[in-house]
Amino acid sequence: MNLLPAVLENRFVRLEPLEDHHREPLRAACNADPDLWPTLYYRSYGGEYFDAGWDDLVAGQSAGTRIPFAVMVDGTLVGMSSYIDIQRNNRALEIGTTYYRPSARGGPVNPAAKRLLLEHAFSCGANRVSFKVDDRNARSQAAMLKLGATREGVLRHDMITWTGHVRSSVVFSILAEEWPAVRARLDERLAAFVRASGE
């Protein structure tokens, strides 16, 4: 699996590998919803925690274990998402560390970003892409099923979050042979947004 950082773009979003000039726009996006971080996130990127979070993103990027992206809409940074737990020998990875400011939720941004991330991963030779969702987060679990991912099970008490909560994670995955069907489903969802916009 030859997974490398690349700019990924479609009509809805542009994903740019994280660089220093994204730092302050990402800080502003993460501060747009301060009440969200204590609820369902493994770590906080809000307020006083942002700098440590940023350093962690960059360290993983330098080590080759993470590829973080700034999610851009019309030139404005609206969030982030990452390839994490990259296992090149196993041709496997996880998509995570995903956050969108409130104005970017509920529309085409998340499915459009997932479409790009999945396409790039599988075109680079991935056999498996996984997602881990906090077991309290029913909305994200439903979104994974809507995406077409398979629910594999629960990793019980696998993480302690920044608030001290002992979290269990629900694991979902998409395999390379499943990607064409998932892609078709995503493309239809995105086409519906185009139709709704009257373009």
N, C-alpha and C. Protein backbone atom coordinates (compact mmCIF):
# COMPACT_ATOMS: atom_id res chain seq x y z
N MET A 1 0.86 -1.19 0.00
CA MET A 1 0.00 0.00 0.00
C MET A 1 0.89 1.23 0.00
N ASN A 2 0.76 2.02 -1.04
CA ASN A 2 1.59 3.22 -1.18
C ASN A 2 0.74 4.45 -0.91
N LEU A 3 0.36 4.63 0.34
CA LEU A 3 -0.52 5.73 0.73
C LEU A 3 0.31 6.97 1.02
N LEU A 4 0.11 8.01 0.22
CA LEU A 4 0.86 9.24 0.36
C LEU A 4 -0.08 10.42 0.49
N PRO A 5 0.36 11.50 1.14
CA PRO A 5 -0.48 12.70 1.20
C PRO A 5 -0.72 13.26 -0.20
N ALA A 6 -1.93 13.74 -0.44
CA ALA A 6 -2.26 14.35 -1.73
C ALA A 6 -3.43 15.29 -1.52
N VAL A 7 -3.51 16.31 -2.34
CA VAL A 7 -4.69 17.16 -2.35
C VAL A 7 -5.81 16.39 -3.03
N LEU A 8 -6.96 16.30 -2.37
CA LEU A 8 -8.12 15.57 -2.89
C LEU A 8 -9.26 16.55 -3.05
N GLU A 9 -9.95 16.49 -4.17
CA GLU A 9 -10.96 17.53 -4.42
C GLU A 9 -12.10 16.99 -5.27
N ASN A 10 -13.32 17.42 -4.92
CA ASN A 10 -14.49 17.22 -5.77
C ASN A 10 -15.29 18.52 -5.77
N ARG A 11 -16.49 18.50 -6.29
CA ARG A 11 -17.26 19.76 -6.42
C ARG A 11 -17.69 20.33 -5.07
N PHE A 12 -17.64 19.53 -4.01
CA PHE A 12 -18.13 19.96 -2.71
C PHE A 12 -17.01 20.41 -1.76
N VAL A 13 -15.91 19.68 -1.74
CA VAL A 13 -14.85 19.94 -0.76
C VAL A 13 -13.47 19.77 -1.39
N ARG A 14 -12.51 20.36 -0.74
CA ARG A 14 -11.10 20.18 -1.09
C ARG A 14 -10.38 19.76 0.19
N LEU A 15 -9.69 18.63 0.15
CA LEU A 15 -8.93 18.14 1.29
C LEU A 15 -7.45 18.41 1.03
N GLU A 16 -6.86 19.19 1.92
CA GLU A 16 -5.46 19.56 1.79
C GLU A 16 -4.65 18.94 2.92
N PRO A 17 -3.56 18.22 2.60
CA PRO A 17 -2.70 17.73 3.67
C PRO A 17 -2.32 18.88 4.60
N LEU A 18 -2.40 18.61 5.89
CA LEU A 18 -2.25 19.67 6.89
C LEU A 18 -0.87 20.33 6.81
N GLU A 19 -0.86 21.65 6.78
CA GLU A 19 0.37 22.44 6.79
C GLU A 19 0.22 23.55 7.81
N ASP A 20 1.34 24.21 8.10
CA ASP A 20 1.35 25.20 9.16
C ASP A 20 0.34 26.33 8.93
N HIS A 21 0.10 26.70 7.67
CA HIS A 21 -0.84 27.80 7.42
C HIS A 21 -2.29 27.44 7.74
N HIS A 22 -2.55 26.14 7.98
CA HIS A 22 -3.90 25.72 8.39
C HIS A 22 -4.11 25.87 9.90
N ARG A 23 -3.05 26.10 10.64
CA ARG A 23 -3.12 26.04 12.11
C ARG A 23 -4.18 26.98 12.68
N GLU A 24 -4.11 28.25 12.40
CA GLU A 24 -5.05 29.20 13.01
C GLU A 24 -6.47 29.05 12.48
N PRO A 25 -6.67 28.82 11.17
CA PRO A 25 -8.04 28.54 10.71
C PRO A 25 -8.64 27.29 11.37
N LEU A 26 -7.80 26.26 11.60
CA LEU A 26 -8.32 25.06 12.27
C LEU A 26 -8.64 25.36 13.72
N ARG A 27 -7.81 26.15 14.38
CA ARG A 27 -8.10 26.55 15.76
C ARG A 27 -9.47 27.24 15.83
N ALA A 28 -9.72 28.15 14.90
CA ALA A 28 -11.00 28.87 14.89
C ALA A 28 -12.16 27.92 14.65
N ALA A 29 -11.99 26.96 13.74
CA ALA A 29 -13.05 25.99 13.48
C ALA A 29 -13.33 25.14 14.71
N CYS A 30 -12.27 24.70 15.39
CA CYS A 30 -12.43 23.85 16.57
C CYS A 30 -13.04 24.61 17.74
N ASN A 31 -12.86 25.92 17.77
CA ASN A 31 -13.45 26.73 18.83
C ASN A 31 -14.90 27.13 18.54
N ALA A 32 -15.40 26.74 17.37
CA ALA A 32 -16.77 27.12 16.99
C ALA A 32 -17.83 26.33 17.74
N ASP A 33 -17.44 25.21 18.37
CA ASP A 33 -18.41 24.38 19.09
C ASP A 33 -17.76 23.83 20.36
N PRO A 34 -17.48 24.70 21.34
CA PRO A 34 -16.73 24.27 22.52
C PRO A 34 -17.46 23.23 23.37
N ASP A 35 -18.78 23.18 23.28
CA ASP A 35 -19.52 22.22 24.10
C ASP A 35 -19.44 20.80 23.55
N LEU A 36 -18.97 20.64 22.32
CA LEU A 36 -18.93 19.31 21.71
C LEU A 36 -17.78 18.46 22.25
N TRP A 37 -16.64 19.07 22.49
CA TRP A 37 -15.43 18.30 22.82
C TRP A 37 -15.57 17.42 24.05
N PRO A 38 -16.21 17.86 25.13
CA PRO A 38 -16.30 16.98 26.31
C PRO A 38 -17.24 15.79 26.13
N THR A 39 -18.01 15.75 25.05
CA THR A 39 -19.03 14.72 24.93
C THR A 39 -18.51 13.42 24.34
N LEU A 40 -18.06 13.45 23.08
CA LEU A 40 -17.81 12.19 22.38
C LEU A 40 -16.44 12.09 21.73
N TYR A 41 -15.53 12.97 22.07
CA TYR A 41 -14.21 12.95 21.43
C TYR A 41 -13.15 12.37 22.36
N TYR A 42 -12.23 11.60 21.77
CA TYR A 42 -11.14 10.99 22.53
C TYR A 42 -10.24 12.06 23.13
N ARG A 43 -9.97 13.11 22.35
CA ARG A 43 -9.19 14.23 22.86
C ARG A 43 -9.83 15.52 22.41
N SER A 44 -9.49 16.61 23.07
CA SER A 44 -10.04 17.91 22.72
C SER A 44 -9.06 18.69 21.85
N TYR A 45 -9.63 19.35 20.84
CA TYR A 45 -8.87 20.31 20.04
C TYR A 45 -9.42 21.72 20.26
N GLY A 46 -10.24 21.87 21.27
CA GLY A 46 -10.84 23.17 21.56
C GLY A 46 -10.03 23.95 22.59
N GLY A 47 -10.16 25.28 22.54
CA GLY A 47 -9.61 26.16 23.56
C GLY A 47 -8.15 25.91 23.86
N GLU A 48 -7.85 25.77 25.14
CA GLU A 48 -6.46 25.62 25.60
C GLU A 48 -5.82 24.30 25.17
N TYR A 49 -6.63 23.36 24.69
CA TYR A 49 -6.10 22.04 24.30
C TYR A 49 -5.65 21.99 22.85
N PHE A 50 -5.94 23.05 22.09
CA PHE A 50 -5.68 22.98 20.66
C PHE A 50 -4.20 22.78 20.34
N ASP A 51 -3.32 23.52 20.98
CA ASP A 51 -1.90 23.45 20.62
C ASP A 51 -1.32 22.05 20.82
N ALA A 52 -1.68 21.40 21.91
CA ALA A 52 -1.20 20.03 22.13
C ALA A 52 -1.78 19.09 21.09
N GLY A 53 -3.05 19.29 20.74
CA GLY A 53 -3.67 18.48 19.70
C GLY A 53 -3.00 18.67 18.36
N TRP A 54 -2.73 19.94 18.03
CA TRP A 54 -2.03 20.24 16.78
C TRP A 54 -0.66 19.55 16.74
N ASP A 55 0.08 19.65 17.84
CA ASP A 55 1.40 19.03 17.90
C ASP A 55 1.31 17.52 17.69
N ASP A 56 0.26 16.90 18.21
CA ASP A 56 0.07 15.47 18.04
C ASP A 56 -0.22 15.13 16.58
N LEU A 57 -1.06 15.94 15.93
CA LEU A 57 -1.34 15.72 14.51
C LEU A 57 -0.06 15.79 13.69
N VAL A 58 0.74 16.81 13.94
CA VAL A 58 1.97 17.02 13.18
C VAL A 58 3.00 15.92 13.47
N ALA A 59 3.08 15.48 14.72
CA ALA A 59 4.02 14.42 15.07
C ALA A 59 3.67 13.12 14.36
N GLY A 60 2.38 12.80 14.32
CA GLY A 60 1.95 11.60 13.61
C GLY A 60 2.21 11.70 12.12
N GLN A 61 2.02 12.90 11.59
CA GLN A 61 2.30 13.14 10.18
C GLN A 61 3.79 12.92 9.89
N SER A 62 4.65 13.45 10.74
CA SER A 62 6.10 13.30 10.55
C SER A 62 6.54 11.85 10.68
N ALA A 63 5.88 11.11 11.57
CA ALA A 63 6.23 9.70 11.79
C ALA A 63 5.67 8.78 10.72
N GLY A 64 4.75 9.28 9.91
CA GLY A 64 4.15 8.46 8.86
C GLY A 64 3.03 7.56 9.34
N THR A 65 2.56 7.77 10.58
CA THR A 65 1.47 6.96 11.12
C THR A 65 0.11 7.62 10.96
N ARG A 66 0.12 8.86 10.47
CA ARG A 66 -1.12 9.62 10.33
C ARG A 66 -0.96 10.57 9.14
N ILE A 67 -2.06 10.75 8.39
CA ILE A 67 -2.09 11.77 7.35
C ILE A 67 -3.31 12.64 7.61
N PRO A 68 -3.12 13.79 8.25
CA PRO A 68 -4.25 14.67 8.55
C PRO A 68 -4.53 15.62 7.38
N PHE A 69 -5.82 15.92 7.20
CA PHE A 69 -6.26 16.81 6.14
C PHE A 69 -7.07 17.96 6.72
N ALA A 70 -6.88 19.14 6.15
CA ALA A 70 -7.79 20.26 6.38
C ALA A 70 -8.91 20.13 5.36
N VAL A 71 -10.15 20.24 5.82
CA VAL A 71 -11.31 20.16 4.93
C VAL A 71 -11.73 21.58 4.59
N MET A 72 -11.69 21.90 3.30
CA MET A 72 -11.95 23.25 2.81
C MET A 72 -13.23 23.28 1.99
N VAL A 73 -14.00 24.34 2.16
CA VAL A 73 -15.18 24.60 1.33
C VAL A 73 -15.07 26.04 0.83
N ASP A 74 -14.99 26.19 -0.48
CA ASP A 74 -14.88 27.53 -1.08
C ASP A 74 -13.76 28.35 -0.45
N GLY A 75 -12.64 27.70 -0.19
CA GLY A 75 -11.48 28.40 0.35
C GLY A 75 -11.46 28.60 1.85
N THR A 76 -12.51 28.16 2.53
CA THR A 76 -12.60 28.32 3.99
C THR A 76 -12.43 26.97 4.67
N LEU A 77 -11.60 26.92 5.70
CA LEU A 77 -11.40 25.68 6.45
C LEU A 77 -12.61 25.44 7.35
N VAL A 78 -13.26 24.29 7.17
CA VAL A 78 -14.46 23.97 7.95
C VAL A 78 -14.27 22.78 8.88
N GLY A 79 -13.10 22.12 8.81
CA GLY A 79 -12.90 20.98 9.68
C GLY A 79 -11.65 20.21 9.31
N MET A 80 -11.59 18.98 9.82
CA MET A 80 -10.43 18.13 9.58
C MET A 80 -10.86 16.67 9.58
N SER A 81 -10.05 15.84 8.95
CA SER A 81 -10.20 14.39 9.02
C SER A 81 -8.83 13.79 8.71
N SER A 82 -8.61 12.55 9.11
CA SER A 82 -7.27 11.98 9.00
C SER A 82 -7.32 10.50 8.64
N TYR A 83 -6.27 10.06 7.96
CA TYR A 83 -5.93 8.64 7.95
C TYR A 83 -5.10 8.41 9.22
N ILE A 84 -5.50 7.43 10.02
CA ILE A 84 -4.77 7.10 11.23
C ILE A 84 -4.53 5.59 11.29
N ASP A 85 -3.70 5.17 12.21
CA ASP A 85 -3.36 3.75 12.37
C ASP A 85 -3.03 3.13 11.02
N ILE A 86 -2.14 3.78 10.28
CA ILE A 86 -1.77 3.32 8.95
C ILE A 86 -0.86 2.11 9.08
N GLN A 87 -1.31 0.97 8.55
CA GLN A 87 -0.55 -0.28 8.60
C GLN A 87 -0.22 -0.68 7.16
N ARG A 88 0.88 -0.19 6.66
CA ARG A 88 1.21 -0.40 5.24
C ARG A 88 1.42 -1.87 4.91
N ASN A 89 2.05 -2.63 5.78
CA ASN A 89 2.28 -4.05 5.50
C ASN A 89 0.98 -4.84 5.44
N ASN A 90 0.01 -4.43 6.25
CA ASN A 90 -1.29 -5.10 6.26
C ASN A 90 -2.28 -4.48 5.27
N ARG A 91 -1.86 -3.39 4.62
CA ARG A 91 -2.72 -2.66 3.67
C ARG A 91 -4.04 -2.27 4.34
N ALA A 92 -3.92 -1.70 5.52
CA ALA A 92 -5.09 -1.33 6.31
C ALA A 92 -4.86 0.02 6.96
N LEU A 93 -5.95 0.72 7.22
CA LEU A 93 -5.88 2.01 7.89
C LEU A 93 -7.25 2.33 8.46
N GLU A 94 -7.26 3.40 9.26
CA GLU A 94 -8.51 3.89 9.85
C GLU A 94 -8.71 5.33 9.42
N ILE A 95 -9.95 5.74 9.24
CA ILE A 95 -10.28 7.15 9.05
C ILE A 95 -10.85 7.65 10.36
N GLY A 96 -10.27 8.72 10.89
CA GLY A 96 -10.74 9.24 12.17
C GLY A 96 -10.27 10.67 12.39
N THR A 97 -10.32 11.10 13.64
CA THR A 97 -10.02 12.49 14.01
C THR A 97 -10.78 13.43 13.08
N THR A 98 -12.07 13.17 12.94
CA THR A 98 -12.92 13.97 12.06
C THR A 98 -13.74 14.95 12.88
N TYR A 99 -13.71 16.19 12.47
CA TYR A 99 -14.48 17.25 13.12
C TYR A 99 -14.88 18.27 12.07
N TYR A 100 -16.14 18.74 12.16
CA TYR A 100 -16.61 19.83 11.30
C TYR A 100 -17.26 20.90 12.17
N ARG A 101 -17.01 22.14 11.82
CA ARG A 101 -17.69 23.22 12.52
C ARG A 101 -19.19 23.09 12.26
N PRO A 102 -20.06 23.62 13.15
CA PRO A 102 -21.51 23.39 13.03
C PRO A 102 -22.08 23.74 11.66
N SER A 103 -21.61 24.80 11.03
CA SER A 103 -22.18 25.22 9.75
C SER A 103 -21.91 24.22 8.63
N ALA A 104 -20.97 23.29 8.82
CA ALA A 104 -20.63 22.32 7.79
C ALA A 104 -21.27 20.96 8.02
N ARG A 105 -22.08 20.84 9.05
CA ARG A 105 -22.70 19.55 9.38
C ARG A 105 -24.06 19.41 8.71
N GLY A 106 -24.42 18.17 8.43
CA GLY A 106 -25.76 17.88 7.94
C GLY A 106 -25.96 18.06 6.45
N GLY A 107 -24.93 18.47 5.73
CA GLY A 107 -25.02 18.65 4.28
C GLY A 107 -24.08 17.71 3.55
N PRO A 108 -23.53 18.15 2.42
CA PRO A 108 -22.69 17.27 1.62
C PRO A 108 -21.25 17.15 2.09
N VAL A 109 -20.81 17.97 3.05
CA VAL A 109 -19.38 18.02 3.38
C VAL A 109 -18.85 16.67 3.85
N ASN A 110 -19.48 16.05 4.83
CA ASN A 110 -18.96 14.79 5.35
C ASN A 110 -18.99 13.67 4.31
N PRO A 111 -20.13 13.42 3.63
CA PRO A 111 -20.08 12.36 2.63
C PRO A 111 -19.11 12.65 1.49
N ALA A 112 -18.97 13.92 1.11
CA ALA A 112 -18.03 14.26 0.04
C ALA A 112 -16.59 14.02 0.48
N ALA A 113 -16.27 14.36 1.73
CA ALA A 113 -14.92 14.11 2.24
C ALA A 113 -14.65 12.62 2.37
N LYS A 114 -15.63 11.87 2.88
CA LYS A 114 -15.46 10.42 3.00
C LYS A 114 -15.25 9.80 1.62
N ARG A 115 -15.98 10.28 0.63
CA ARG A 115 -15.84 9.77 -0.75
C ARG A 115 -14.40 9.93 -1.23
N LEU A 116 -13.83 11.10 -1.00
CA LEU A 116 -12.46 11.35 -1.42
C LEU A 116 -11.45 10.49 -0.64
N LEU A 117 -11.62 10.43 0.67
CA LEU A 117 -10.68 9.67 1.50
C LEU A 117 -10.71 8.18 1.17
N LEU A 118 -11.91 7.65 0.99
CA LEU A 118 -12.03 6.23 0.67
C LEU A 118 -11.47 5.93 -0.72
N GLU A 119 -11.81 6.75 -1.70
CA GLU A 119 -11.31 6.54 -3.06
C GLU A 119 -9.78 6.55 -3.08
N HIS A 120 -9.19 7.52 -2.40
CA HIS A 120 -7.73 7.61 -2.39
C HIS A 120 -7.11 6.40 -1.69
N ALA A 121 -7.68 5.99 -0.57
CA ALA A 121 -7.13 4.85 0.16
C ALA A 121 -7.16 3.58 -0.68
N PHE A 122 -8.31 3.31 -1.29
CA PHE A 122 -8.41 2.07 -2.07
C PHE A 122 -7.59 2.15 -3.36
N SER A 123 -7.49 3.32 -3.96
CA SER A 123 -6.67 3.45 -5.17
C SER A 123 -5.19 3.31 -4.86
N CYS A 124 -4.81 3.54 -3.60
CA CYS A 124 -3.42 3.36 -3.18
C CYS A 124 -3.12 1.94 -2.70
N GLY A 125 -4.11 1.06 -2.78
CA GLY A 125 -3.88 -0.34 -2.46
C GLY A 125 -4.40 -0.83 -1.14
N ALA A 126 -5.21 -0.05 -0.44
CA ALA A 126 -5.76 -0.52 0.84
C ALA A 126 -6.69 -1.71 0.62
N ASN A 127 -6.60 -2.69 1.50
CA ASN A 127 -7.55 -3.80 1.53
C ASN A 127 -8.72 -3.51 2.45
N ARG A 128 -8.46 -2.65 3.46
CA ARG A 128 -9.45 -2.43 4.51
C ARG A 128 -9.33 -1.01 5.04
N VAL A 129 -10.48 -0.36 5.19
CA VAL A 129 -10.55 0.93 5.86
C VAL A 129 -11.54 0.78 7.00
N SER A 130 -11.12 1.17 8.20
CA SER A 130 -11.98 1.01 9.37
C SER A 130 -12.30 2.36 9.99
N PHE A 131 -13.30 2.33 10.85
CA PHE A 131 -13.76 3.50 11.59
C PHE A 131 -14.08 3.02 13.00
N LYS A 132 -13.71 3.81 14.02
CA LYS A 132 -14.07 3.50 15.40
C LYS A 132 -14.94 4.62 15.93
N VAL A 133 -16.10 4.26 16.46
CA VAL A 133 -17.09 5.24 16.91
C VAL A 133 -17.37 5.00 18.39
N ASP A 134 -17.39 6.07 19.17
CA ASP A 134 -17.77 5.98 20.58
C ASP A 134 -19.13 5.29 20.69
N ASP A 135 -19.22 4.29 21.57
CA ASP A 135 -20.48 3.53 21.63
C ASP A 135 -21.66 4.36 22.12
N ARG A 136 -21.41 5.56 22.66
CA ARG A 136 -22.51 6.44 23.05
C ARG A 136 -23.02 7.28 21.88
N ASN A 137 -22.30 7.26 20.77
CA ASN A 137 -22.60 8.14 19.66
C ASN A 137 -23.49 7.44 18.64
N ALA A 138 -24.78 7.41 18.94
CA ALA A 138 -25.73 6.71 18.06
C ALA A 138 -25.80 7.36 16.68
N ARG A 139 -25.65 8.67 16.62
CA ARG A 139 -25.75 9.37 15.34
C ARG A 139 -24.62 8.94 14.39
N SER A 140 -23.40 8.88 14.90
CA SER A 140 -22.28 8.47 14.05
C SER A 140 -22.37 7.01 13.66
N GLN A 141 -22.89 6.18 14.56
CA GLN A 141 -23.07 4.77 14.21
C GLN A 141 -24.08 4.63 13.08
N ALA A 142 -25.16 5.39 13.14
CA ALA A 142 -26.15 5.36 12.06
C ALA A 142 -25.55 5.86 10.76
N ALA A 143 -24.69 6.87 10.85
CA ALA A 143 -24.04 7.41 9.65
C ALA A 143 -23.12 6.37 9.01
N MET A 144 -22.45 5.57 9.82
CA MET A 144 -21.58 4.53 9.29
C MET A 144 -22.39 3.48 8.52
N LEU A 145 -23.52 3.10 9.09
CA LEU A 145 -24.38 2.13 8.40
C LEU A 145 -24.95 2.72 7.12
N LYS A 146 -25.32 4.00 7.16
CA LYS A 146 -25.83 4.67 5.97
C LYS A 146 -24.76 4.74 4.89
N LEU A 147 -23.52 4.88 5.30
CA LEU A 147 -22.40 4.91 4.37
C LEU A 147 -22.23 3.57 3.67
N GLY A 148 -22.65 2.50 4.33
CA GLY A 148 -22.49 1.16 3.78
C GLY A 148 -21.39 0.36 4.45
N ALA A 149 -20.84 0.88 5.56
CA ALA A 149 -19.82 0.15 6.30
C ALA A 149 -20.45 -1.00 7.08
N THR A 150 -19.66 -2.03 7.34
CA THR A 150 -20.12 -3.18 8.11
C THR A 150 -19.74 -3.01 9.58
N ARG A 151 -20.72 -3.21 10.45
CA ARG A 151 -20.46 -3.15 11.90
C ARG A 151 -19.83 -4.47 12.31
N GLU A 152 -18.61 -4.41 12.86
CA GLU A 152 -17.89 -5.62 13.20
C GLU A 152 -18.06 -6.03 14.66
N GLY A 153 -18.23 -5.06 15.54
CA GLY A 153 -18.35 -5.38 16.95
C GLY A 153 -17.88 -4.23 17.82
N VAL A 154 -17.71 -4.51 19.10
CA VAL A 154 -17.36 -3.48 20.07
C VAL A 154 -16.05 -3.83 20.76
N LEU A 155 -15.14 -2.87 20.77
CA LEU A 155 -13.93 -2.98 21.59
C LEU A 155 -14.27 -2.38 22.96
N ARG A 156 -14.41 -3.23 23.94
CA ARG A 156 -14.89 -2.77 25.24
C ARG A 156 -13.77 -2.09 26.02
N HIS A 157 -14.09 -0.89 26.52
CA HIS A 157 -13.16 -0.11 27.35
C HIS A 157 -11.76 -0.03 26.72
N ASP A 158 -11.72 0.34 25.44
CA ASP A 158 -10.44 0.36 24.74
C ASP A 158 -9.72 1.70 24.82
N MET A 159 -10.40 2.76 25.30
CA MET A 159 -9.78 4.07 25.38
C MET A 159 -10.22 4.79 26.64
N ILE A 160 -9.34 5.64 27.14
CA ILE A 160 -9.72 6.58 28.19
C ILE A 160 -9.61 7.97 27.57
N THR A 161 -10.74 8.67 27.49
CA THR A 161 -10.76 9.95 26.81
C THR A 161 -10.13 11.04 27.67
N TRP A 162 -9.98 12.20 27.07
CA TRP A 162 -9.33 13.32 27.76
C TRP A 162 -10.10 13.77 28.99
N THR A 163 -11.40 13.40 29.09
CA THR A 163 -12.19 13.75 30.27
C THR A 163 -12.11 12.69 31.36
N GLY A 164 -11.44 11.56 31.06
CA GLY A 164 -11.37 10.45 32.01
C GLY A 164 -12.42 9.39 31.79
N HIS A 165 -13.31 9.60 30.81
CA HIS A 165 -14.33 8.60 30.51
C HIS A 165 -13.69 7.35 29.91
N VAL A 166 -14.08 6.18 30.41
CA VAL A 166 -13.60 4.92 29.86
C VAL A 166 -14.53 4.54 28.72
N ARG A 167 -14.02 4.69 27.52
CA ARG A 167 -14.84 4.55 26.31
C ARG A 167 -14.76 3.15 25.74
N SER A 168 -15.87 2.70 25.17
CA SER A 168 -15.89 1.52 24.31
C SER A 168 -16.13 1.99 22.88
N SER A 169 -15.49 1.33 21.92
CA SER A 169 -15.55 1.76 20.53
C SER A 169 -16.26 0.72 19.67
N VAL A 170 -17.20 1.17 18.86
CA VAL A 170 -17.85 0.32 17.88
C VAL A 170 -17.02 0.39 16.60
N VAL A 171 -16.63 -0.77 16.08
CA VAL A 171 -15.76 -0.83 14.91
C VAL A 171 -16.58 -1.12 13.66
N PHE A 172 -16.37 -0.31 12.64
CA PHE A 172 -16.97 -0.50 11.32
C PHE A 172 -15.85 -0.61 10.31
N SER A 173 -16.13 -1.27 9.19
CA SER A 173 -15.10 -1.37 8.15
C SER A 173 -15.72 -1.45 6.77
N ILE A 174 -14.89 -1.11 5.79
CA ILE A 174 -15.20 -1.29 4.37
C ILE A 174 -14.00 -1.99 3.76
N LEU A 175 -14.25 -3.07 3.02
CA LEU A 175 -13.18 -3.80 2.35
C LEU A 175 -13.09 -3.37 0.89
N ALA A 176 -11.94 -3.64 0.28
CA ALA A 176 -11.72 -3.20 -1.10
C ALA A 176 -12.81 -3.72 -2.03
N GLU A 177 -13.22 -4.97 -1.86
CA GLU A 177 -14.23 -5.53 -2.76
C GLU A 177 -15.62 -4.94 -2.51
N GLU A 178 -15.81 -4.31 -1.36
CA GLU A 178 -17.09 -3.67 -1.05
C GLU A 178 -17.14 -2.22 -1.53
N TRP A 179 -15.97 -1.66 -1.85
CA TRP A 179 -15.90 -0.25 -2.18
C TRP A 179 -16.76 0.15 -3.39
N PRO A 180 -16.81 -0.60 -4.49
CA PRO A 180 -17.65 -0.16 -5.61
C PRO A 180 -19.12 0.07 -5.22
N ALA A 181 -19.68 -0.80 -4.39
CA ALA A 181 -21.07 -0.62 -3.97
C ALA A 181 -21.21 0.57 -3.03
N VAL A 182 -20.26 0.73 -2.13
CA VAL A 182 -20.29 1.88 -1.22
C VAL A 182 -20.13 3.17 -2.01
N ARG A 183 -19.22 3.16 -2.98
CA ARG A 183 -18.99 4.35 -3.81
C ARG A 183 -20.26 4.74 -4.57
N ALA A 184 -20.95 3.76 -5.11
CA ALA A 184 -22.19 4.05 -5.85
C ALA A 184 -23.23 4.68 -4.93
N ARG A 185 -23.31 4.18 -3.70
CA ARG A 185 -24.25 4.74 -2.73
C ARG A 185 -23.88 6.18 -2.37
N LEU A 186 -22.60 6.41 -2.15
CA LEU A 186 -22.14 7.77 -1.85
C LEU A 186 -22.39 8.71 -3.02
N ASP A 187 -22.13 8.24 -4.23
CA ASP A 187 -22.33 9.09 -5.41
C ASP A 187 -23.79 9.48 -5.56
N GLU A 188 -24.69 8.56 -5.24
CA GLU A 188 -26.11 8.89 -5.33
C GLU A 188 -26.50 9.91 -4.26
N ARG A 189 -25.96 9.77 -3.07
CA ARG A 189 -26.23 10.76 -2.02
C ARG A 189 -25.74 12.14 -2.44
N LEU A 190 -24.55 12.19 -3.01
CA LEU A 190 -24.00 13.48 -3.42
C LEU A 190 -24.77 14.06 -4.60
N ALA A 191 -25.22 13.20 -5.51
CA ALA A 191 -26.03 13.67 -6.64
C ALA A 191 -27.33 14.29 -6.14
N ALA A 192 -27.87 13.75 -5.06
CA ALA A 192 -29.11 14.32 -4.50
C ALA A 192 -28.88 15.73 -4.00
N PHE A 193 -27.71 16.01 -3.44
CA PHE A 193 -27.41 17.38 -3.02
C PHE A 193 -27.32 18.32 -4.22
N VAL A 194 -26.77 17.81 -5.31
CA VAL A 194 -26.68 18.64 -6.52
C VAL A 194 -28.08 18.94 -7.05
N ARG A 195 -28.93 17.91 -7.09
CA ARG A 195 -30.31 18.12 -7.57
C ARG A 195 -31.04 19.11 -6.68
N ALA A 196 -30.84 18.98 -5.38
CA ALA A 196 -31.54 19.87 -4.44
C ALA A 196 -31.09 21.32 -4.59
N SER A 197 -29.84 21.50 -5.03
CA SER A 197 -29.33 22.86 -5.19
C SER A 197 -29.78 23.50 -6.49
N GLY A 198 -30.37 22.68 -7.38
CA GLY A 198 -30.86 23.20 -8.65
C GLY A 198 -29.78 23.40 -9.69
N GLU A 199 -28.59 22.86 -9.44
CA GLU A 199 -27.50 23.03 -10.42
C GLU A 199 -27.69 22.10 -11.60
